[in-house]
Protein backbone atom coordinates (compact mmCIF):
# COMPACT_ATOMS: atom_id res chain seq x y z
CA MET A 1 4.80 1.50 23.45
CA LYS A 2 7.20 0.07 20.89
CA ILE A 3 5.98 0.33 17.29
CA VAL A 4 6.57 -2.58 14.90
CA LEU A 5 5.99 -2.35 11.16
CA ALA A 6 5.00 -5.73 9.69
CA SER A 7 6.44 -5.04 6.25
CA ALA A 8 9.54 -5.51 4.12
CA SER A 9 8.65 -2.42 2.05
CA ALA A 10 11.39 0.21 1.96
CA ARG A 11 8.72 2.76 0.97
CA ARG A 12 6.60 2.05 4.05
CA LYS A 13 9.66 2.19 6.28
CA GLU A 14 10.62 5.56 4.83
CA ILE A 15 7.12 7.00 5.24
CA LEU A 16 6.77 5.75 8.83
CA SER A 17 10.17 7.25 9.70
CA MET A 18 8.71 10.69 8.88
CA VAL A 19 6.57 10.53 12.04
CA CYS A 20 8.24 7.87 14.18
CA ASP A 21 11.91 7.95 15.16
CA ASP A 22 12.06 4.55 16.80
CA PHE A 23 10.37 1.48 15.35
CA GLU A 24 11.24 -2.06 14.42
CA ILE A 25 10.66 -3.99 11.21
CA ARG A 26 9.29 -7.53 11.34
CA ILE A 27 8.70 -8.99 7.93
CA SER A 28 5.29 -10.56 7.45
CA ASN A 29 4.93 -13.76 5.49
CA ALA A 30 1.13 -13.58 5.48
CA ASN A 31 -0.80 -15.37 2.77
CA GLU A 32 -2.01 -12.80 0.22
CA ASP A 33 -4.64 -15.02 -1.41
CA TYR A 34 -8.28 -14.02 -0.96
CA SER A 35 -11.68 -15.41 -1.79
CA PRO A 36 -13.45 -14.05 -4.89
CA ASP A 37 -16.47 -13.54 -2.60
CA ILE A 38 -14.76 -10.69 -0.78
CA PRO A 39 -15.74 -7.24 -2.08
CA LEU A 40 -12.76 -5.79 -3.96
CA TYR A 41 -12.74 -2.68 -1.77
CA ASP A 42 -12.18 -4.88 1.34
CA VAL A 43 -9.20 -6.88 0.04
CA ALA A 44 -6.48 -4.44 1.13
CA ARG A 45 -7.94 -4.18 4.64
CA LEU A 46 -8.14 -7.98 4.93
CA LEU A 47 -4.52 -8.40 3.81
CA ALA A 48 -3.36 -5.65 6.18
CA GLU A 49 -5.07 -7.47 9.05
CA ARG A 50 -3.39 -10.74 8.08
CA LYS A 51 -0.01 -9.02 8.01
CA ALA A 52 -0.56 -7.42 11.42
CA LEU A 53 -1.58 -10.79 12.89
CA SER A 54 1.24 -12.75 11.23
CA VAL A 55 4.17 -11.33 13.17
CA PRO A 56 4.93 -12.14 16.81
CA MET A 57 4.00 -9.54 19.40
CA ASN A 58 5.48 -8.83 22.82
CA ASP A 59 3.83 -6.93 25.68
CA GLY A 60 3.97 -3.20 25.17
CA GLU A 61 4.15 -3.37 21.38
CA ILE A 62 1.95 -1.98 18.61
CA ILE A 63 2.00 -3.89 15.32
CA ILE A 64 1.17 -2.07 12.06
CA GLY A 65 0.13 -4.06 8.98
CA CYS A 66 -0.56 -2.46 5.61
CA ASP A 67 -1.38 -3.59 2.10
CA THR A 68 -2.04 -1.60 -1.07
CA VAL A 69 -4.00 -2.56 -4.18
CA VAL A 70 -4.98 -0.82 -7.39
CA LEU A 71 -8.56 -1.07 -8.66
CA CYS A 72 -9.20 -0.20 -12.32
CA ASP A 73 -12.38 -0.96 -14.27
CA GLY A 74 -13.35 -3.77 -11.89
CA GLU A 75 -9.92 -5.43 -11.91
CA LEU A 76 -7.95 -5.66 -8.69
CA MET A 77 -4.27 -5.23 -9.55
CA GLY A 78 -1.69 -6.44 -7.13
CA LYS A 79 1.97 -6.91 -7.95
CA PRO A 80 2.64 -7.98 -11.54
CA LYS A 81 3.76 -11.58 -12.10
CA ASP A 82 6.26 -10.72 -14.81
CA ARG A 83 7.20 -8.15 -17.47
CA ASP A 84 4.22 -8.95 -19.70
CA ASP A 85 1.82 -8.59 -16.78
CA ALA A 86 3.38 -5.25 -15.79
CA ILE A 87 3.02 -3.97 -19.37
CA ARG A 88 -0.59 -5.19 -19.51
CA MET A 89 -1.43 -3.38 -16.26
CA LEU A 90 0.15 -0.11 -17.36
CA GLU A 91 -1.61 -0.28 -20.72
CA LYS A 92 -4.91 -0.62 -18.85
CA LEU A 93 -4.04 2.33 -16.59
CA SER A 94 -3.02 4.49 -19.56
CA LYS A 95 -5.48 7.34 -20.18
CA ASN A 96 -7.64 6.06 -17.35
CA ALA A 97 -8.49 6.76 -13.72
CA HIS A 98 -8.07 4.18 -10.98
CA SER A 99 -8.32 3.80 -7.23
CA VAL A 100 -5.43 3.05 -4.93
CA ILE A 101 -6.70 1.43 -1.76
CA SER A 102 -4.49 0.82 1.25
CA GLY A 103 -5.68 -1.26 4.13
CA ILE A 104 -4.16 -0.50 7.48
CA CYS A 105 -4.39 -2.55 10.66
CA VAL A 106 -2.96 -1.61 14.05
CA ARG A 107 -2.98 -4.01 16.97
CA SER A 108 -1.81 -4.19 20.54
CA CYS A 109 -2.13 -7.06 23.02
CA ASP A 110 -5.69 -6.04 23.86
CA LYS A 111 -7.02 -4.14 20.84
CA MET A 112 -7.09 -4.16 17.05
CA PHE A 113 -8.30 -1.44 14.68
CA CYS A 114 -8.44 -1.80 10.88
CA ASP A 115 -9.42 0.70 8.22
CA SER A 116 -8.76 1.55 4.59
CA VAL A 117 -7.97 4.68 2.62
CA GLU A 118 -8.81 5.31 -1.03
CA SER A 119 -7.10 7.77 -3.36
CA PHE A 120 -7.74 8.35 -7.05
CA VAL A 121 -5.04 8.55 -9.70
CA TYR A 122 -5.53 9.86 -13.23
CA MET A 123 -2.98 8.73 -15.81
CA ARG A 124 -2.22 10.43 -19.08
CA GLU A 125 -1.97 8.39 -22.25
CA MET A 126 1.26 6.40 -22.35
CA SER A 127 2.81 4.95 -25.48
CA ARG A 128 3.87 1.30 -25.59
CA ALA A 129 7.50 2.46 -25.86
CA GLU A 130 7.15 4.60 -22.69
CA ILE A 131 5.59 1.71 -20.80
CA GLU A 132 8.28 -0.75 -21.85
CA LYS A 133 11.06 1.71 -20.99
CA TYR A 134 9.53 2.31 -17.56
CA VAL A 135 9.11 -1.41 -16.83
CA ASP A 136 12.66 -2.19 -17.94
CA LYS A 137 14.15 0.72 -15.98
CA GLU A 138 12.17 0.53 -12.74
CA GLN A 139 11.43 -3.23 -12.52
CA PRO A 140 8.06 -2.53 -10.81
CA TYR A 141 7.38 -6.14 -9.78
CA ASP A 142 6.96 -5.28 -6.10
CA LYS A 143 4.33 -2.58 -6.68
CA ALA A 144 0.57 -2.84 -6.94
CA GLY A 145 -0.53 -1.79 -10.42
CA ALA A 146 3.07 -2.09 -11.68
CA TYR A 147 4.09 1.49 -10.91
CA GLY A 148 5.52 3.69 -8.20
CA ILE A 149 4.22 7.26 -8.26
CA GLN A 150 7.35 8.36 -6.36
CA GLU A 151 9.52 7.06 -9.22
CA SER A 152 9.63 8.10 -12.86
CA ALA A 153 6.01 6.88 -13.25
CA GLY A 154 5.07 10.17 -11.63
CA ALA A 155 5.51 11.59 -15.14
CA PHE A 156 2.48 9.53 -16.24
CA VAL A 157 0.19 10.97 -13.55
CA SER A 158 -1.89 13.97 -14.58
CA ARG A 159 -3.82 14.34 -11.30
CA ILE A 160 -4.46 12.73 -7.94
CA ASP A 161 -7.33 13.09 -5.51
CA GLY A 162 -6.52 11.98 -1.99
CA ASP A 163 -3.52 11.11 0.13
CA PHE A 164 -0.27 10.97 -1.89
CA TYR A 165 1.38 8.74 0.73
CA ASN A 166 -1.49 6.30 0.42
CA ILE A 167 -0.58 5.93 -3.25
CA VAL A 168 3.05 5.33 -2.30
CA GLY A 169 1.92 2.61 0.11
CA LEU A 170 1.27 3.89 3.65
CA PRO A 171 -1.57 6.36 4.40
CA ILE A 172 0.43 8.19 7.05
CA CYS A 173 -2.27 10.75 7.91
CA ARG A 174 -4.80 8.01 8.72
CA LEU A 175 -2.18 5.97 10.57
CA VAL A 176 -1.30 8.93 12.81
CA GLU A 177 -5.02 9.44 13.54
CA ILE A 178 -5.47 5.75 14.44
CA LEU A 179 -2.42 5.75 16.72
CA ARG A 180 -3.65 8.94 18.44
CA ASP A 181 -7.37 8.20 18.66
CA GLU A 182 -7.42 4.43 19.20
CA PHE A 183 -4.10 3.79 21.00
CA SER A 184 -3.31 7.19 22.66
CA ILE A 185 0.07 7.40 20.91
CA LEU A 186 1.30 10.77 19.64
CA THR A 187 3.83 10.54 16.84
CA VAL A 188 4.17 14.16 15.69
């Protein structure tokens, strides 16, 4: 089976390459809007499913879609719209705990399996100057919650509970389990 990652994310590509030597990238242009009626915990899984369904599939292929969101005090944080939005998000995350939820969807021609993984991130208190410096240096406009734990924002994180790679953007442990248990594909 040929594996296809429906994502333009360099981080997801890098994580998948840890367990899969040969895969293809097909960029998804799935709509990322969602109804306010959808429970916040289900948004990432819904968007991952859309991404997996949005790219063309050939016989003998497995398509992987993934989406990551940050949930803090009842607010679902996707990618920031601009610098002010990124600063606002990081100020809210400062000295606070939040969830990082990644939805993952794997499909073949005859089967589809979707799930989500939640990890918890605890941030130390960040000064306004630290936040602004981070935003200006890292330009975190393509990251849910306006930060990348694998970048210098790791210095803001005092503790995590759960899968580190989920926080980066692809819950590789769960993906390997899905490929093995649902699609009989061994990657490691």
